[in-house]
Every structure is written in structure tokens, then in C-alpha cells.
Amino acid sequence: MSQHTILYIEDDFKLAQLVSNYLSSHGYTLDHFDSGCHACYQASSNKYDLILLDVGLGSEDGFEVFKELKQYQDTPIIFMTARQSQVDHITGLELGADDYLTKPVSPSILLARINNTIRRSQAVKPISNTHNAYNIRFGSLSINTIQREAYLHSQPLELTSAEFEILVQLAKSPGQLVSRDQLFDGTIGRKYDGQSRTIDGRISRLRKKLGDEAVPAQKIVTVWGKGYIFSPQAWG
């Protein structure tokens, strides 16, 4: 049985119930929303394996919802719509949708297309690392720089402002050395005096909240005498 999660956006409640029941019976976990606005808010803080999106959402344009969703997640998206227009079909695929299904669609065909899309996506990207103006994501870690929120395994991290700034500064340079001087200047706003252990203490507390307490640390790696490296492969 699959343990994958789907964000399902559909304003036809009867259809949504049928699809949700069918996919749930095949092991999928679904979060259903009839509004693109509410779905995008959910997508900003939760990671999904696939998004199933209706094009015609009442007063909302599914294509515009698609663009907003892509600001938060690099998740495969399948359009499922009653629209028969070839122009809409082409528009959806050119936007970057992974598939485009026209209603009515056989439940078994829908399931097969979902399975295939997720399988193809995971074969290409076993760990999802996504970056844009609003969101930084490495596997199970998600950082929203606009809302100033961070999540690990979809659970909110209770970070101080300073800890959040350090995490963002490190995550923006994955695999690269970020010196103590850079962190001090970026989070405290003045040059490092060569003696303060403020950054070290904050890194230590941040690691505890990230579950990075192994010795040596795996997620935020110490380079003795130089600084720290954010490991992009440690968040699977």
C-alpha cells in the first residue's frame, strides 16, 4: 500500500468525495480543498508527493493557482478538468504540468496516471531540493522566508529570530562553507570580533531543534576554525 500524500483541489464536492474515497482505498492520504487560495496556504507549509488540480475553480483560474503552487513546491501537478479545449490542454502542459486528464476519467486510469507520475518524479529527484523567492526546501526541511516559518517533517520548528536567520543563511549556500564571520555579520549586524561564541551557542541550540545531535553533526557540519556547512543530502 502506498503512503503517498496528495493535495487535491476540486470544487465539485460529490466528485471530490468519490475520488478521495477511491484513492484512500489504495493507500493515498489526501488533503482536499475547494479553494485554490486555501490550498496554496496549505502547500506553503506542507510537503506533498503530488497535487491534483481542477482547472475550473469557480471564480479562480486553475492555471493561476498552478503558478502560485509552484512558488511553494516543486511537486508534480496533474490537471483534471471537464474542459475539452485542446488549447487548455496545451496551456496546462506548457505551464509545466506533469499530466492533463479530461473528465470523466476512469478511476483506475486516474490511479495509474498518479502512480506513474509519482514514480517518475521520485526516480528523477529522490530528494526534493527547491528554492525560490519564498521557499527553501531540502527533503524534509521547509523554510518559508516570507512568513518566517520553518518546518521539519511537516512539523513547525520553534526557532528564535536569530536561529531562523542562521538557518536561512546556511541553507542559501548548501554544501558551501559559511564562515563564522559571515554568520556573525549576517545575523548580528556587525563584524566578528574573533572572540565571541554567540554564533556557536546558537548553532548548538539550532542543531538540537533540527535533531542534529549526532557526533559529528550531519546536517550542519562544523569546519573547525573556519565555520559551518549546511549539508543538502542530510534531509531525506
C-alpha atoms as a PDB file:
ATOM      1  CA  MET A   1       0.000   0.000   0.000  1.00  0.00           C
ATOM      2  CA  SER A   2       1.219   3.485  -0.854  1.00  0.00           C
ATOM      3  CA  GLN A   3       1.896   6.041   1.862  1.00  0.00           C
ATOM      4  CA  HIS A   4       1.995   8.980  -0.522  1.00  0.00           C
ATOM      5  CA  THR A   5       0.179  12.258   0.101  1.00  0.00           C
ATOM      6  CA  ILE A   6      -1.911  14.225  -2.391  1.00  0.00           C
ATOM      7  CA  LEU A   7      -3.130  17.822  -2.268  1.00  0.00           C
ATOM      8  CA  TYR A   8      -6.480  17.667  -4.081  1.00  0.00           C
ATOM      9  CA  ILE A   9      -8.091  20.908  -5.297  1.00  0.00           C
ATOM     10  CA  GLU A  10     -11.626  20.433  -6.624  1.00  0.00           C
ATOM     11  CA  ASP A  11     -14.811  22.467  -6.086  1.00  0.00           C
ATOM     12  CA  ASP A  12     -17.201  19.680  -7.118  1.00  0.00           C
ATOM     13  CA  PHE A  13     -17.797  18.126  -3.700  1.00  0.00           C
ATOM     14  CA  LYS A  14     -19.528  14.996  -4.983  1.00  0.00           C
ATOM     15  CA  LEU A  15     -16.692  14.207  -7.379  1.00  0.00           C
ATOM     16  CA  ALA A  16     -14.097  15.102  -4.754  1.00  0.00           C
ATOM     17  CA  GLN A  17     -15.659  12.643  -2.317  1.00  0.00           C
ATOM     18  CA  LEU A  18     -15.678   9.845  -4.885  1.00  0.00           C
ATOM     19  CA  VAL A  19     -12.073  10.457  -5.920  1.00  0.00           C
ATOM     20  CA  SER A  20     -10.906  10.842  -2.320  1.00  0.00           C
ATOM     21  CA  ASN A  21     -12.570   7.596  -1.254  1.00  0.00           C
ATOM     22  CA  TYR A  22     -11.142   5.688  -4.194  1.00  0.00           C
ATOM     23  CA  LEU A  23      -7.577   6.951  -3.766  1.00  0.00           C
ATOM     24  CA  SER A  24      -7.749   6.493   0.008  1.00  0.00           C
ATOM     25  CA  SER A  25      -8.750   2.874  -0.539  1.00  0.00           C
ATOM     26  CA  HIS A  26      -5.492   2.472  -2.468  1.00  0.00           C
ATOM     27  CA  GLY A  27      -3.348   3.839   0.332  1.00  0.00           C
ATOM     28  CA  TYR A  28      -3.141   7.528  -0.512  1.00  0.00           C
ATOM     29  CA  THR A  29      -3.619  10.282   2.057  1.00  0.00           C
ATOM     30  CA  LEU A  30      -5.499  13.272   0.659  1.00  0.00           C
ATOM     31  CA  ASP A  31      -5.983  16.852   1.795  1.00  0.00           C
ATOM     32  CA  HIS A  32      -8.949  18.210  -0.154  1.00  0.00           C
ATOM     33  CA  PHE A  33      -9.692  21.902  -0.688  1.00  0.00           C
ATOM     34  CA  ASP A  34     -12.329  23.524  -2.876  1.00  0.00           C
ATOM     35  CA  SER A  35     -10.372  26.782  -2.972  1.00  0.00           C
ATOM     36  CA  GLY A  36      -7.034  27.457  -4.624  1.00  0.00           C
ATOM     37  CA  CYS A  37      -6.281  30.138  -2.053  1.00  0.00           C
ATOM     38  CA  HIS A  38      -6.662  27.749   0.883  1.00  0.00           C
ATOM     39  CA  ALA A  39      -4.745  25.023  -0.940  1.00  0.00           C
ATOM     40  CA  CYS A  40      -1.812  27.351  -1.635  1.00  0.00           C
ATOM     41  CA  TYR A  41      -1.651  28.295   2.023  1.00  0.00           C
ATOM     42  CA  GLN A  42      -1.524  24.603   2.902  1.00  0.00           C
ATOM     43  CA  ALA A  43       1.170  23.995   0.282  1.00  0.00           C
ATOM     44  CA  SER A  44       3.333  26.738   1.788  1.00  0.00           C
ATOM     45  CA  SER A  45       3.957  24.663   4.907  1.00  0.00           C
ATOM     46  CA  ASN A  46       3.343  21.023   3.964  1.00  0.00           C
ATOM     47  CA  LYS A  47       5.096  18.751   1.516  1.00  0.00           C
ATOM     48  CA  TYR A  48       3.061  16.595  -0.871  1.00  0.00           C
ATOM     49  CA  ASP A  49       4.010  13.854  -3.295  1.00  0.00           C
ATOM     50  CA  LEU A  50       1.505  15.061  -5.897  1.00  0.00           C
ATOM     51  CA  ILE A  51      -1.059  17.793  -6.482  1.00  0.00           C
ATOM     52  CA  LEU A  52      -4.319  17.040  -8.315  1.00  0.00           C
ATOM     53  CA  LEU A  53      -5.743  20.323  -9.585  1.00  0.00           C
ATOM     54  CA  ASP A  54      -9.018  21.225 -11.284  1.00  0.00           C
ATOM     55  CA  VAL A  55      -8.723  23.974 -13.901  1.00  0.00           C
ATOM     56  CA  GLY A  56     -12.212  25.424 -13.387  1.00  0.00           C
ATOM     57  CA  LEU A  57     -12.479  26.506  -9.745  1.00  0.00           C
ATOM     58  CA  GLY A  58     -15.476  28.819  -9.797  1.00  0.00           C
ATOM     59  CA  SER A  59     -14.078  32.341  -9.769  1.00  0.00           C
ATOM     60  CA  GLU A  60     -10.493  31.080  -9.660  1.00  0.00           C
ATOM     61  CA  ASP A  61      -8.333  30.155 -12.642  1.00  0.00           C
ATOM     62  CA  GLY A  62      -6.626  26.804 -12.123  1.00  0.00           C
ATOM     63  CA  PHE A  63      -3.715  27.904 -14.294  1.00  0.00           C
ATOM     64  CA  GLU A  64      -3.058  30.840 -11.974  1.00  0.00           C
ATOM     65  CA  VAL A  65      -3.374  28.550  -8.952  1.00  0.00           C
ATOM     66  CA  PHE A  66      -0.790  26.288 -10.609  1.00  0.00           C
ATOM     67  CA  LYS A  67       1.680  29.177 -10.858  1.00  0.00           C
ATOM     68  CA  GLU A  68       1.217  30.076  -7.202  1.00  0.00           C
ATOM     69  CA  LEU A  69       1.600  26.468  -6.072  1.00  0.00           C
ATOM     70  CA  LYS A  70       4.918  26.258  -7.904  1.00  0.00           C
ATOM     71  CA  GLN A  71       6.194  29.111  -5.722  1.00  0.00           C
ATOM     72  CA  TYR A  72       5.927  26.797  -2.709  1.00  0.00           C
ATOM     73  CA  GLN A  73       6.583  23.293  -4.013  1.00  0.00           C
ATOM     74  CA  ASP A  74       8.420  21.551  -6.790  1.00  0.00           C
ATOM     75  CA  THR A  75       5.767  18.849  -6.637  1.00  0.00           C
ATOM     76  CA  PRO A  76       4.321  17.090  -9.698  1.00  0.00           C
ATOM     77  CA  ILE A  77       0.924  18.500 -10.646  1.00  0.00           C
ATOM     78  CA  ILE A  78      -1.805  16.794 -12.656  1.00  0.00           C
ATOM     79  CA  PHE A  79      -4.621  18.866 -14.093  1.00  0.00           C
ATOM     80  CA  MET A  80      -8.004  17.138 -14.077  1.00  0.00           C
ATOM     81  CA  THR A  81     -10.751  19.138 -15.736  1.00  0.00           C
ATOM     82  CA  ALA A  82     -14.052  18.944 -17.594  1.00  0.00           C
ATOM     83  CA  ARG A  83     -12.751  21.393 -20.174  1.00  0.00           C
ATOM     84  CA  GLN A  84     -12.474  19.765 -23.592  1.00  0.00           C
ATOM     85  CA  SER A  85     -10.451  22.531 -25.253  1.00  0.00           C
ATOM     86  CA  GLN A  86      -7.176  21.479 -26.834  1.00  0.00           C
ATOM     87  CA  VAL A  87      -5.921  24.997 -26.143  1.00  0.00           C
ATOM     88  CA  ASP A  88      -6.409  24.471 -22.398  1.00  0.00           C
ATOM     89  CA  HIS A  89      -4.713  21.088 -22.651  1.00  0.00           C
ATOM     90  CA  ILE A  90      -1.714  22.614 -24.392  1.00  0.00           C
ATOM     91  CA  THR A  91      -1.650  25.561 -21.974  1.00  0.00           C
ATOM     92  CA  GLY A  92      -1.561  23.218 -18.987  1.00  0.00           C
ATOM     93  CA  LEU A  93       1.294  21.148 -20.359  1.00  0.00           C
ATOM     94  CA  GLU A  94       3.262  24.199 -21.469  1.00  0.00           C
ATOM     95  CA  LEU A  95       2.967  25.647 -17.961  1.00  0.00           C
ATOM     96  CA  GLY A  96       4.804  22.563 -16.756  1.00  0.00           C
ATOM     97  CA  ALA A  97       2.033  20.234 -15.603  1.00  0.00           C
ATOM     98  CA  ASP A  98       3.080  16.596 -15.414  1.00  0.00           C
ATOM     99  CA  ASP A  99      -0.200  15.341 -16.878  1.00  0.00           C
ATOM    100  CA  TYR A 100      -3.594  16.596 -18.047  1.00  0.00           C
ATOM    101  CA  LEU A 101      -6.727  14.454 -17.664  1.00  0.00           C
ATOM    102  CA  THR A 102     -10.138  15.261 -19.096  1.00  0.00           C
ATOM    103  CA  LYS A 103     -13.215  14.367 -17.036  1.00  0.00           C
ATOM    104  CA  PRO A 104     -14.848  11.941 -16.836  1.00  0.00           C
ATOM    105  CA  VAL A 105     -11.853   9.724 -16.257  1.00  0.00           C
ATOM    106  CA  SER A 106     -11.862   6.098 -15.173  1.00  0.00           C
ATOM    107  CA  PRO A 107     -10.764   5.738 -11.527  1.00  0.00           C
ATOM    108  CA  SER A 108      -8.320   3.009 -12.491  1.00  0.00           C
ATOM    109  CA  ILE A 109      -6.815   5.219 -15.208  1.00  0.00           C
ATOM    110  CA  LEU A 110      -6.545   8.111 -12.742  1.00  0.00           C
ATOM    111  CA  LEU A 111      -4.795   5.864 -10.233  1.00  0.00           C
ATOM    112  CA  ALA A 112      -2.398   4.565 -12.879  1.00  0.00           C
ATOM    113  CA  ARG A 113      -1.512   8.088 -14.026  1.00  0.00           C
ATOM    114  CA  ILE A 114      -0.941   9.215 -10.427  1.00  0.00           C
ATOM    115  CA  ASN A 115       1.229   6.193  -9.679  1.00  0.00           C
ATOM    116  CA  ASN A 116       3.236   6.736 -12.842  1.00  0.00           C
ATOM    117  CA  THR A 117       3.715  10.466 -12.211  1.00  0.00           C
ATOM    118  CA  ILE A 118       4.950   9.931  -8.641  1.00  0.00           C
ATOM    119  CA  ARG A 119       7.197   7.056  -9.681  1.00  0.00           C
ATOM    120  CA  ARG A 120       8.721   9.136 -12.480  1.00  0.00           C
ATOM    121  CA  SER A 121       9.191  12.152 -10.202  1.00  0.00           C
ATOM    122  CA  GLN A 122      10.927  10.156  -7.481  1.00  0.00           C
ATOM    123  CA  ALA A 123      13.164   8.393  -9.968  1.00  0.00           C
ATOM    124  CA  VAL A 124      14.419  11.786 -11.142  1.00  0.00           C
ATOM    125  CA  LYS A 125      14.528  13.502  -7.730  1.00  0.00           C
ATOM    126  CA  PRO A 126      14.794  11.176  -4.760  1.00  0.00           C
ATOM    127  CA  ILE A 127      15.249  14.205  -2.526  1.00  0.00           C
ATOM    128  CA  SER A 128      13.348  17.389  -3.327  1.00  0.00           C
ATOM    129  CA  ASN A 129      15.540  20.470  -3.113  1.00  0.00           C
ATOM    130  CA  THR A 130      13.595  23.556  -4.113  1.00  0.00           C
ATOM    131  CA  HIS A 131      14.482  27.217  -3.955  1.00  0.00           C
ATOM    132  CA  ASN A 132      12.590  30.346  -4.943  1.00  0.00           C
ATOM    133  CA  ALA A 133      11.829  33.788  -3.593  1.00  0.00           C
ATOM    134  CA  TYR A 134       9.577  32.417  -0.873  1.00  0.00           C
ATOM    135  CA  ASN A 135      10.600  28.883  -0.053  1.00  0.00           C
ATOM    136  CA  ILE A 136      13.739  26.852   0.525  1.00  0.00           C
ATOM    137  CA  ARG A 137      13.309  23.098   0.727  1.00  0.00           C
ATOM    138  CA  PHE A 138      15.691  20.233   1.315  1.00  0.00           C
ATOM    139  CA  GLY A 139      13.876  16.915   1.677  1.00  0.00           C
ATOM    140  CA  SER A 140      12.025  17.038   4.997  1.00  0.00           C
ATOM    141  CA  LEU A 141      13.081  20.623   5.788  1.00  0.00           C
ATOM    142  CA  SER A 142      10.990  23.527   4.506  1.00  0.00           C
ATOM    143  CA  ILE A 143      11.725  27.211   5.123  1.00  0.00           C
ATOM    144  CA  ASN A 144       9.299  29.993   4.195  1.00  0.00           C
ATOM    145  CA  THR A 145      11.266  33.234   4.223  1.00  0.00           C
ATOM    146  CA  ILE A 146       8.198  35.463   3.802  1.00  0.00           C
ATOM    147  CA  GLN A 147       6.196  34.021   6.693  1.00  0.00           C
ATOM    148  CA  ARG A 148       9.447  33.383   8.588  1.00  0.00           C
ATOM    149  CA  GLU A 149       8.466  29.805   9.364  1.00  0.00           C
ATOM    150  CA  ALA A 150      10.415  26.561   9.191  1.00  0.00           C
ATOM    151  CA  TYR A 151       9.095  23.003   9.204  1.00  0.00           C
ATOM    152  CA  LEU A 152      10.772  19.640   9.687  1.00  0.00           C
ATOM    153  CA  HIS A 153       8.765  16.582   8.612  1.00  0.00           C
ATOM    154  CA  SER A 154       5.800  18.995   8.243  1.00  0.00           C
ATOM    155  CA  GLN A 155       6.070  19.958  11.938  1.00  0.00           C
ATOM    156  CA  PRO A 156       6.724  23.621  12.825  1.00  0.00           C
ATOM    157  CA  LEU A 157      10.114  24.434  14.316  1.00  0.00           C
ATOM    158  CA  GLU A 158      10.084  26.784  17.299  1.00  0.00           C
ATOM    159  CA  LEU A 159      13.065  28.945  16.338  1.00  0.00           C
ATOM    160  CA  THR A 160      14.177  32.256  17.723  1.00  0.00           C
ATOM    161  CA  SER A 161      14.635  35.057  15.224  1.00  0.00           C
ATOM    162  CA  ALA A 162      18.416  34.644  15.394  1.00  0.00           C
ATOM    163  CA  GLU A 163      18.208  30.870  14.902  1.00  0.00           C
ATOM    164  CA  PHE A 164      15.930  31.336  11.915  1.00  0.00           C
ATOM    165  CA  GLU A 165      18.339  33.840  10.330  1.00  0.00           C
ATOM    166  CA  ILE A 166      21.265  31.436  10.790  1.00  0.00           C
ATOM    167  CA  LEU A 167      19.296  28.567   9.249  1.00  0.00           C
ATOM    168  CA  VAL A 168      18.317  30.685   6.240  1.00  0.00           C
ATOM    169  CA  GLN A 169      21.851  31.972   5.741  1.00  0.00           C
ATOM    170  CA  LEU A 170      23.266  28.444   5.802  1.00  0.00           C
ATOM    171  CA  ALA A 171      20.504  26.925   3.651  1.00  0.00           C
ATOM    172  CA  LYS A 172      21.038  29.559   0.957  1.00  0.00           C
ATOM    173  CA  SER A 173      24.592  28.255   0.491  1.00  0.00           C
ATOM    174  CA  PRO A 174      24.157  24.462   0.570  1.00  0.00           C
ATOM    175  CA  GLY A 175      27.382  22.483   0.536  1.00  0.00           C
ATOM    176  CA  GLN A 176      29.455  25.645   0.888  1.00  0.00           C
ATOM    177  CA  LEU A 177      31.475  26.889   3.818  1.00  0.00           C
ATOM    178  CA  VAL A 178      29.826  29.806   5.610  1.00  0.00           C
ATOM    179  CA  SER A 179      32.353  31.392   7.931  1.00  0.00           C
ATOM    180  CA  ARG A 180      31.649  32.434  11.498  1.00  0.00           C
ATOM    181  CA  ASP A 181      32.420  35.993  10.355  1.00  0.00           C
ATOM    182  CA  GLN A 182      29.669  35.800   7.714  1.00  0.00           C
ATOM    183  CA  LEU A 183      27.129  34.399  10.156  1.00  0.00           C
ATOM    184  CA  PHE A 184      28.028  36.971  12.790  1.00  0.00           C
ATOM    185  CA  ASP A 185      27.726  39.828  10.319  1.00  0.00           C
ATOM    186  CA  GLY A 186      24.524  38.456   8.753  1.00  0.00           C
ATOM    187  CA  THR A 187      22.627  37.748  11.979  1.00  0.00           C
ATOM    188  CA  ILE A 188      24.056  40.233  14.470  1.00  0.00           C
ATOM    189  CA  GLY A 189      24.860  43.044  12.072  1.00  0.00           C
ATOM    190  CA  ARG A 190      28.443  43.788  12.980  1.00  0.00           C
ATOM    191  CA  LYS A 191      31.896  42.397  12.330  1.00  0.00           C
ATOM    192  CA  TYR A 192      33.059  39.359  14.248  1.00  0.00           C
ATOM    193  CA  ASP A 193      35.492  40.306  16.999  1.00  0.00           C
ATOM    194  CA  GLY A 194      37.306  36.966  16.883  1.00  0.00           C
ATOM    195  CA  GLN A 195      36.317  36.010  20.435  1.00  0.00           C
ATOM    196  CA  SER A 196      32.516  35.907  20.802  1.00  0.00           C
ATOM    197  CA  ARG A 197      30.994  32.408  20.991  1.00  0.00           C
ATOM    198  CA  THR A 198      27.475  33.716  20.313  1.00  0.00           C
ATOM    199  CA  ILE A 199      27.204  32.024  16.915  1.00  0.00           C
ATOM    200  CA  ASP A 200      28.500  28.718  18.274  1.00  0.00           C
ATOM    201  CA  GLY A 201      25.869  28.736  21.018  1.00  0.00           C
ATOM    202  CA  ARG A 202      23.072  29.499  18.574  1.00  0.00           C
ATOM    203  CA  ILE A 203      24.261  26.783  16.200  1.00  0.00           C
ATOM    204  CA  SER A 204      24.232  24.307  19.091  1.00  0.00           C
ATOM    205  CA  ARG A 205      20.660  25.186  20.040  1.00  0.00           C
ATOM    206  CA  LEU A 206      19.576  25.132  16.393  1.00  0.00           C
ATOM    207  CA  ARG A 207      21.036  21.658  15.946  1.00  0.00           C
ATOM    208  CA  LYS A 208      19.008  20.344  18.885  1.00  0.00           C
ATOM    209  CA  LYS A 209      15.810  21.643  17.336  1.00  0.00           C
ATOM    210  CA  LEU A 210      16.762  20.075  13.994  1.00  0.00           C
ATOM    211  CA  GLY A 211      17.530  16.718  15.588  1.00  0.00           C
ATOM    212  CA  ASP A 212      21.160  17.119  14.540  1.00  0.00           C
ATOM    213  CA  GLU A 213      22.784  15.959  17.765  1.00  0.00           C
ATOM    214  CA  ALA A 214      24.958  13.173  16.390  1.00  0.00           C
ATOM    215  CA  VAL A 215      28.715  13.459  16.866  1.00  0.00           C
ATOM    216  CA  PRO A 216      29.873  14.735  14.495  1.00  0.00           C
ATOM    217  CA  ALA A 217      26.763  16.670  13.376  1.00  0.00           C
ATOM    218  CA  GLN A 218      25.380  15.639   9.983  1.00  0.00           C
ATOM    219  CA  LYS A 219      23.030  18.467   8.960  1.00  0.00           C
ATOM    220  CA  ILE A 220      25.104  21.493   9.959  1.00  0.00           C
ATOM    221  CA  VAL A 221      28.690  20.360   9.691  1.00  0.00           C
ATOM    222  CA  THR A 222      31.442  22.108  11.648  1.00  0.00           C
ATOM    223  CA  VAL A 223      34.659  23.019   9.870  1.00  0.00           C
ATOM    224  CA  TRP A 224      36.901  23.673  12.829  1.00  0.00           C
ATOM    225  CA  GLY A 225      38.396  27.136  12.945  1.00  0.00           C
ATOM    226  CA  LYS A 226      36.504  28.243   9.816  1.00  0.00           C
ATOM    227  CA  GLY A 227      32.738  27.932  10.040  1.00  0.00           C
ATOM    228  CA  TYR A 228      29.861  25.671   9.064  1.00  0.00           C
ATOM    229  CA  ILE A 229      28.471  23.815   6.055  1.00  0.00           C
ATOM    230  CA  PHE A 230      24.781  23.089   5.505  1.00  0.00           C
ATOM    231  CA  SER A 231      24.612  19.517   4.165  1.00  0.00           C
ATOM    232  CA  PRO A 232      21.922  19.303   1.416  1.00  0.00           C
ATOM    233  CA  GLN A 233      21.860  15.484   1.441  1.00  0.00           C
ATOM    234  CA  ALA A 234      21.098  15.085   5.158  1.00  0.00           C
ATOM    235  CA  TRP A 235      17.370  15.891   4.987  1.00  0.00           C
ATOM    236  CA  GLY A 236      15.964  12.872   3.150  1.00  0.00           C
END
